[in-house]
C-alpha atoms as a PDB file:
ATOM      1  CA  MET A   1     324.954  37.771 -61.649  1.00  0.00           C
ATOM      2  CA  ASN A   2     328.455  37.050 -62.841  1.00  0.00           C
ATOM      3  CA  PHE A   3     328.814  35.066 -66.077  1.00  0.00           C
ATOM      4  CA  ILE A   4     332.190  33.307 -66.203  1.00  0.00           C
ATOM      5  CA  PRO A   5     333.272  31.626 -69.459  1.00  0.00           C
ATOM      6  CA  GLN A   6     334.838  28.199 -68.974  1.00  0.00           C
ATOM      7  CA  ILE A   7     337.643  26.373 -70.781  1.00  0.00           C
ATOM      8  CA  LEU A   8     335.102  24.457 -72.867  1.00  0.00           C
ATOM      9  CA  GLN A   9     333.692  26.467 -75.746  1.00  0.00           C
ATOM     10  CA  ASP A  10     330.241  28.017 -75.073  1.00  0.00           C
ATOM     11  CA  VAL A  11     330.109  26.788 -71.441  1.00  0.00           C
ATOM     12  CA  TRP A  12     329.480  29.242 -68.603  1.00  0.00           C
ATOM     13  CA  VAL A  13     329.423  29.206 -64.808  1.00  0.00           C
ATOM     14  CA  ILE A  14     326.875  31.659 -63.484  1.00  0.00           C
ATOM     15  CA  GLU A  15     327.368  33.092 -60.009  1.00  0.00           C
ATOM     16  CA  PRO A  16     324.161  34.692 -58.797  1.00  0.00           C
ATOM     17  CA  LYS A  17     324.262  37.414 -56.169  1.00  0.00           C
ATOM     18  CA  VAL A  18     323.059  36.052 -52.850  1.00  0.00           C
ATOM     19  CA  PHE A  19     321.585  38.393 -50.264  1.00  0.00           C
ATOM     20  CA  GLY A  20     321.567  36.781 -46.840  1.00  0.00           C
ATOM     21  CA  ASP A  21     320.744  37.721 -43.296  1.00  0.00           C
ATOM     22  CA  SER A  22     319.540  36.033 -40.099  1.00  0.00           C
ATOM     23  CA  ARG A  23     316.300  35.014 -41.870  1.00  0.00           C
ATOM     24  CA  GLY A  24     317.996  33.151 -44.696  1.00  0.00           C
ATOM     25  CA  TYR A  25     318.812  34.321 -48.215  1.00  0.00           C
ATOM     26  CA  PHE A  26     317.372  35.615 -51.485  1.00  0.00           C
ATOM     27  CA  THR A  27     318.852  35.140 -54.943  1.00  0.00           C
ATOM     28  CA  GLU A  28     317.762  35.475 -58.556  1.00  0.00           C
ATOM     29  CA  THR A  29     318.479  32.165 -60.274  1.00  0.00           C
ATOM     30  CA  TYR A  30     317.562  33.187 -63.808  1.00  0.00           C
ATOM     31  CA  LYS A  31     317.231  36.552 -65.509  1.00  0.00           C
ATOM     32  CA  GLN A  32     316.417  36.322 -69.204  1.00  0.00           C
ATOM     33  CA  ALA A  33     317.909  39.700 -70.231  1.00  0.00           C
ATOM     34  CA  LEU A  34     321.292  38.948 -68.630  1.00  0.00           C
ATOM     35  CA  PHE A  35     321.273  35.390 -69.908  1.00  0.00           C
ATOM     36  CA  GLU A  36     320.691  36.592 -73.470  1.00  0.00           C
ATOM     37  CA  GLN A  37     323.365  39.285 -73.111  1.00  0.00           C
ATOM     38  CA  TYR A  38     326.065  36.755 -72.252  1.00  0.00           C
ATOM     39  CA  ILE A  39     324.923  33.434 -73.691  1.00  0.00           C
ATOM     40  CA  GLY A  40     322.245  34.215 -76.256  1.00  0.00           C
ATOM     41  CA  LYS A  41     318.592  33.428 -76.694  1.00  0.00           C
ATOM     42  CA  ILE A  42     317.630  30.071 -75.255  1.00  0.00           C
ATOM     43  CA  ASN A  43     313.990  29.089 -74.954  1.00  0.00           C
ATOM     44  CA  PHE A  44     313.825  26.956 -71.816  1.00  0.00           C
ATOM     45  CA  ILE A  45     310.637  24.890 -71.911  1.00  0.00           C
ATOM     46  CA  GLN A  46     310.847  22.670 -68.847  1.00  0.00           C
ATOM     47  CA  ASP A  47     312.340  22.465 -65.345  1.00  0.00           C
ATOM     48  CA  ASN A  48     313.403  19.098 -63.911  1.00  0.00           C
ATOM     49  CA  GLU A  49     314.482  18.085 -60.424  1.00  0.00           C
ATOM     50  CA  SER A  50     316.051  14.993 -58.899  1.00  0.00           C
ATOM     51  CA  LYS A  51     317.049  13.912 -55.416  1.00  0.00           C
ATOM     52  CA  SER A  52     319.946  11.510 -54.921  1.00  0.00           C
ATOM     53  CA  GLY A  53     322.108  10.150 -52.129  1.00  0.00           C
ATOM     54  CA  PHE A  54     325.858  10.163 -51.601  1.00  0.00           C
ATOM     55  CA  GLY A  55     327.843   8.466 -54.358  1.00  0.00           C
ATOM     56  CA  VAL A  56     325.035   8.449 -56.916  1.00  0.00           C
ATOM     57  CA  LEU A  57     326.420   9.157 -60.376  1.00  0.00           C
ATOM     58  CA  ARG A  58     323.791  10.111 -62.926  1.00  0.00           C
ATOM     59  CA  GLY A  59     325.125  10.218 -66.458  1.00  0.00           C
ATOM     60  CA  LEU A  60     326.775  10.910 -68.689  1.00  0.00           C
ATOM     61  CA  HIS A  61     323.548  11.460 -70.641  1.00  0.00           C
ATOM     62  CA  TYR A  62     322.612  13.364 -73.758  1.00  0.00           C
ATOM     63  CA  GLN A  63     319.944  13.565 -76.430  1.00  0.00           C
ATOM     64  CA  LYS A  64     321.014  12.920 -80.027  1.00  0.00           C
ATOM     65  CA  ASN A  65     320.505  15.048 -83.123  1.00  0.00           C
ATOM     66  CA  ASP A  66     317.372  17.248 -83.169  1.00  0.00           C
ATOM     67  CA  ALA A  67     316.528  16.147 -79.611  1.00  0.00           C
ATOM     68  CA  ALA A  68     319.696  17.742 -78.189  1.00  0.00           C
ATOM     69  CA  GLN A  69     319.160  19.842 -75.085  1.00  0.00           C
ATOM     70  CA  ALA A  70     320.831  22.928 -73.664  1.00  0.00           C
ATOM     71  CA  LYS A  71     320.699  22.906 -69.860  1.00  0.00           C
ATOM     72  CA  LEU A  72     321.025  25.356 -67.017  1.00  0.00           C
ATOM     73  CA  VAL A  73     321.816  23.285 -63.923  1.00  0.00           C
ATOM     74  CA  ARG A  74     322.093  24.046 -60.214  1.00  0.00           C
ATOM     75  CA  VAL A  75     321.945  22.388 -56.812  1.00  0.00           C
ATOM     76  CA  ILE A  76     319.189  23.394 -54.419  1.00  0.00           C
ATOM     77  CA  GLN A  77     320.412  21.227 -51.534  1.00  0.00           C
ATOM     78  CA  GLY A  78     323.725  19.453 -51.017  1.00  0.00           C
ATOM     79  CA  LYS A  79     326.817  19.265 -53.204  1.00  0.00           C
ATOM     80  CA  VAL A  80     327.632  17.596 -56.527  1.00  0.00           C
ATOM     81  CA  LEU A  81     330.465  17.378 -58.991  1.00  0.00           C
ATOM     82  CA  ASP A  82     328.861  18.278 -62.311  1.00  0.00           C
ATOM     83  CA  ILE A  83     330.628  16.743 -65.328  1.00  0.00           C
ATOM     84  CA  ILE A  84     330.243  17.585 -69.010  1.00  0.00           C
ATOM     85  CA  VAL A  85     331.934  16.263 -72.165  1.00  0.00           C
ATOM     86  CA  ASP A  86     332.021  18.166 -75.473  1.00  0.00           C
ATOM     87  CA  LEU A  87     330.719  15.873 -78.238  1.00  0.00           C
ATOM     88  CA  ARG A  88     330.584  18.547 -80.952  1.00  0.00           C
ATOM     89  CA  THR A  89     333.080  17.469 -83.613  1.00  0.00           C
ATOM     90  CA  SER A  90     333.333  21.018 -84.978  1.00  0.00           C
ATOM     91  CA  SER A  91     334.196  22.477 -81.561  1.00  0.00           C
ATOM     92  CA  GLN A  92     337.694  23.578 -80.568  1.00  0.00           C
ATOM     93  CA  THR A  93     337.172  21.678 -77.311  1.00  0.00           C
ATOM     94  CA  TYR A  94     335.779  18.453 -78.836  1.00  0.00           C
ATOM     95  CA  GLY A  95     336.504  15.445 -76.633  1.00  0.00           C
ATOM     96  CA  LYS A  96     337.405  17.559 -73.596  1.00  0.00           C
ATOM     97  CA  TRP A  97     335.618  17.416 -70.259  1.00  0.00           C
ATOM     98  CA  LEU A  98     334.971  19.815 -67.409  1.00  0.00           C
ATOM     99  CA  ALA A  99     333.991  19.182 -63.786  1.00  0.00           C
ATOM    100  CA  VAL A 100     332.447  21.951 -61.672  1.00  0.00           C
ATOM    101  CA  GLU A 101     331.355  21.772 -58.041  1.00  0.00           C
ATOM    102  CA  LEU A 102     327.790  22.980 -57.593  1.00  0.00           C
ATOM    103  CA  SER A 103     326.311  23.318 -54.117  1.00  0.00           C
ATOM    104  CA  ASP A 104     323.716  24.991 -51.963  1.00  0.00           C
ATOM    105  CA  GLU A 105     326.597  26.950 -50.433  1.00  0.00           C
ATOM    106  CA  ASN A 106     328.186  28.407 -53.581  1.00  0.00           C
ATOM    107  CA  HIS A 107     324.861  28.768 -55.497  1.00  0.00           C
ATOM    108  CA  HIS A 108     326.773  28.392 -58.781  1.00  0.00           C
ATOM    109  CA  GLN A 109     324.975  27.315 -61.918  1.00  0.00           C
ATOM    110  CA  LEU A 110     326.373  25.751 -65.070  1.00  0.00           C
ATOM    111  CA  PHE A 111     325.134  26.443 -68.586  1.00  0.00           C
ATOM    112  CA  VAL A 112     325.610  23.386 -70.795  1.00  0.00           C
ATOM    113  CA  PRO A 113     324.962  23.986 -74.520  1.00  0.00           C
ATOM    114  CA  ARG A 114     323.549  21.420 -76.903  1.00  0.00           C
ATOM    115  CA  GLY A 115     326.057  18.798 -77.968  1.00  0.00           C
ATOM    116  CA  PHE A 116     327.403  17.841 -74.539  1.00  0.00           C
ATOM    117  CA  ALA A 117     327.106  14.702 -72.458  1.00  0.00           C
ATOM    118  CA  HIS A 118     326.177  15.638 -68.902  1.00  0.00           C
ATOM    119  CA  GLY A 119     326.186  13.970 -65.511  1.00  0.00           C
ATOM    120  CA  PHE A 120     326.753  14.591 -61.841  1.00  0.00           C
ATOM    121  CA  LEU A 121     328.184  12.793 -58.830  1.00  0.00           C
ATOM    122  CA  VAL A 122     326.630  13.462 -55.406  1.00  0.00           C
ATOM    123  CA  LEU A 123     329.262  14.431 -52.822  1.00  0.00           C
ATOM    124  CA  SER A 124     326.936  15.214 -49.887  1.00  0.00           C
ATOM    125  CA  GLU A 125     324.608  12.931 -47.936  1.00  0.00           C
ATOM    126  CA  THR A 126     321.819  13.916 -50.346  1.00  0.00           C
ATOM    127  CA  ALA A 127     321.470  16.438 -53.143  1.00  0.00           C
ATOM    128  CA  ILE A 128     318.513  18.050 -54.852  1.00  0.00           C
ATOM    129  CA  PHE A 129     319.503  18.884 -58.419  1.00  0.00           C
ATOM    130  CA  ASN A 130     317.490  21.245 -60.645  1.00  0.00           C
ATOM    131  CA  TYR A 131     317.831  21.955 -64.340  1.00  0.00           C
ATOM    132  CA  LYS A 132     316.128  23.854 -67.103  1.00  0.00           C
ATOM    133  CA  VAL A 133     316.087  22.367 -70.613  1.00  0.00           C
ATOM    134  CA  ASP A 134     315.288  23.857 -73.987  1.00  0.00           C
ATOM    135  CA  ASN A 135     313.990  20.721 -75.708  1.00  0.00           C
ATOM    136  CA  ALA A 136     311.592  17.928 -74.765  1.00  0.00           C
ATOM    137  CA  TYR A 137     313.035  14.613 -73.603  1.00  0.00           C
ATOM    138  CA  GLN A 138     312.727  11.871 -76.222  1.00  0.00           C
ATOM    139  CA  PRO A 139     313.640   8.462 -74.757  1.00  0.00           C
ATOM    140  CA  GLU A 140     314.324   6.922 -78.165  1.00  0.00           C
ATOM    141  CA  LYS A 141     316.998   9.586 -78.832  1.00  0.00           C
ATOM    142  CA  GLU A 142     318.791   9.283 -75.503  1.00  0.00           C
ATOM    143  CA  ALA A 143     322.413   8.196 -75.385  1.00  0.00           C
ATOM    144  CA  CYS A 144     324.755   7.516 -72.518  1.00  0.00           C
ATOM    145  CA  LEU A 145     328.514   7.918 -72.454  1.00  0.00           C
ATOM    146  CA  ILE A 146     330.269   5.575 -70.002  1.00  0.00           C
ATOM    147  CA  TYR A 147     331.470   7.509 -66.960  1.00  0.00           C
ATOM    148  CA  ASN A 148     334.907   5.839 -66.770  1.00  0.00           C
ATOM    149  CA  ASP A 149     335.960   5.908 -70.415  1.00  0.00           C
ATOM    150  CA  PRO A 150     339.781   5.567 -70.463  1.00  0.00           C
ATOM    151  CA  THR A 151     340.109   7.938 -73.425  1.00  0.00           C
ATOM    152  CA  LEU A 152     338.462  10.754 -71.475  1.00  0.00           C
ATOM    153  CA  ASN A 153     340.118   9.812 -68.152  1.00  0.00           C
ATOM    154  CA  ILE A 154     337.650  11.816 -66.046  1.00  0.00           C
ATOM    155  CA  SER A 155     338.863  12.305 -62.497  1.00  0.00           C
ATOM    156  CA  TYR A 156     336.326  11.625 -59.734  1.00  0.00           C
ATOM    157  CA  PRO A 157     336.860  12.545 -56.058  1.00  0.00           C
ATOM    158  CA  ILE A 158     335.503   9.245 -54.740  1.00  0.00           C
ATOM    159  CA  ASP A 159     336.461   5.685 -55.618  1.00  0.00           C
ATOM    160  CA  SER A 160     334.277   3.980 -58.228  1.00  0.00           C
ATOM    161  CA  CYS A 161     333.435   1.145 -55.807  1.00  0.00           C
ATOM    162  CA  ARG A 162     331.544   3.730 -53.683  1.00  0.00           C
ATOM    163  CA  MET A 163     329.583   5.062 -56.674  1.00  0.00           C
ATOM    164  CA  LYS A 164     325.987   4.051 -57.318  1.00  0.00           C
ATOM    165  CA  LEU A 165     324.968   3.895 -60.982  1.00  0.00           C
ATOM    166  CA  SER A 166     321.857   2.690 -62.783  1.00  0.00           C
ATOM    167  CA  ASP A 167     322.100  -0.334 -65.073  1.00  0.00           C
ATOM    168  CA  LYS A 168     321.634   2.026 -68.024  1.00  0.00           C
ATOM    169  CA  ASP A 169     324.577   4.178 -66.925  1.00  0.00           C
ATOM    170  CA  LEU A 170     326.798   1.126 -66.362  1.00  0.00           C
ATOM    171  CA  LYS A 171     326.138   0.157 -69.996  1.00  0.00           C
ATOM    172  CA  GLY A 172     327.101   3.551 -71.436  1.00  0.00           C
ATOM    173  CA  LEU A 173     329.001   3.746 -74.710  1.00  0.00           C
ATOM    174  CA  SER A 174     332.702   4.429 -75.011  1.00  0.00           C
ATOM    175  CA  PHE A 175     333.715   7.838 -76.285  1.00  0.00           C
ATOM    176  CA  ALA A 176     334.907   6.202 -79.522  1.00  0.00           C
ATOM    177  CA  ASP A 177     331.524   4.502 -80.107  1.00  0.00           C
ATOM    178  CA  ALA A 178     329.214   7.254 -78.854  1.00  0.00           C
ATOM    179  CA  PRO A 179     327.205   9.237 -81.433  1.00  0.00           C
ATOM    180  CA  LYS A 180     328.623  12.747 -81.872  1.00  0.00           C
ATOM    181  CA  PHE A 181     327.256  16.059 -83.054  1.00  0.00           C
END
């Protein structure tokens, strides 16, 4: 596995080694010793999975305060643009965002530390998205950052009129009003 630090502080893209032949492929998607060597000790407690169609934008979600979650995300099928925003006021990259393409072809994973809003936009016909988290979901501590906040000016590869968002995501908070870490 290759661990590649990103422009946002404490964020990593992980490129697993993929061994393929006429039968298919094999890859290790998580190896605790390597993960701890590069990123540190994270106690993942749950795996989650979602399936979405083209244009679905899920996010930008996060858990506040002691409910914050670190995530290791990847795509099992399809292709997404994964988007994160640093909400840690003490971070050198506070208020900055990063978009990374994750797909079943590149097998890349993204490590998102606590203190980030996270979401993804489906770019393929469908996508199966998988993520590990290190803290239990607490609905009362969930927050949502609006995907099209003009302060952040996140660039999306498809027009917003083709995006499909939940009512909750359409009512996300502005960056200025969103709770920070």
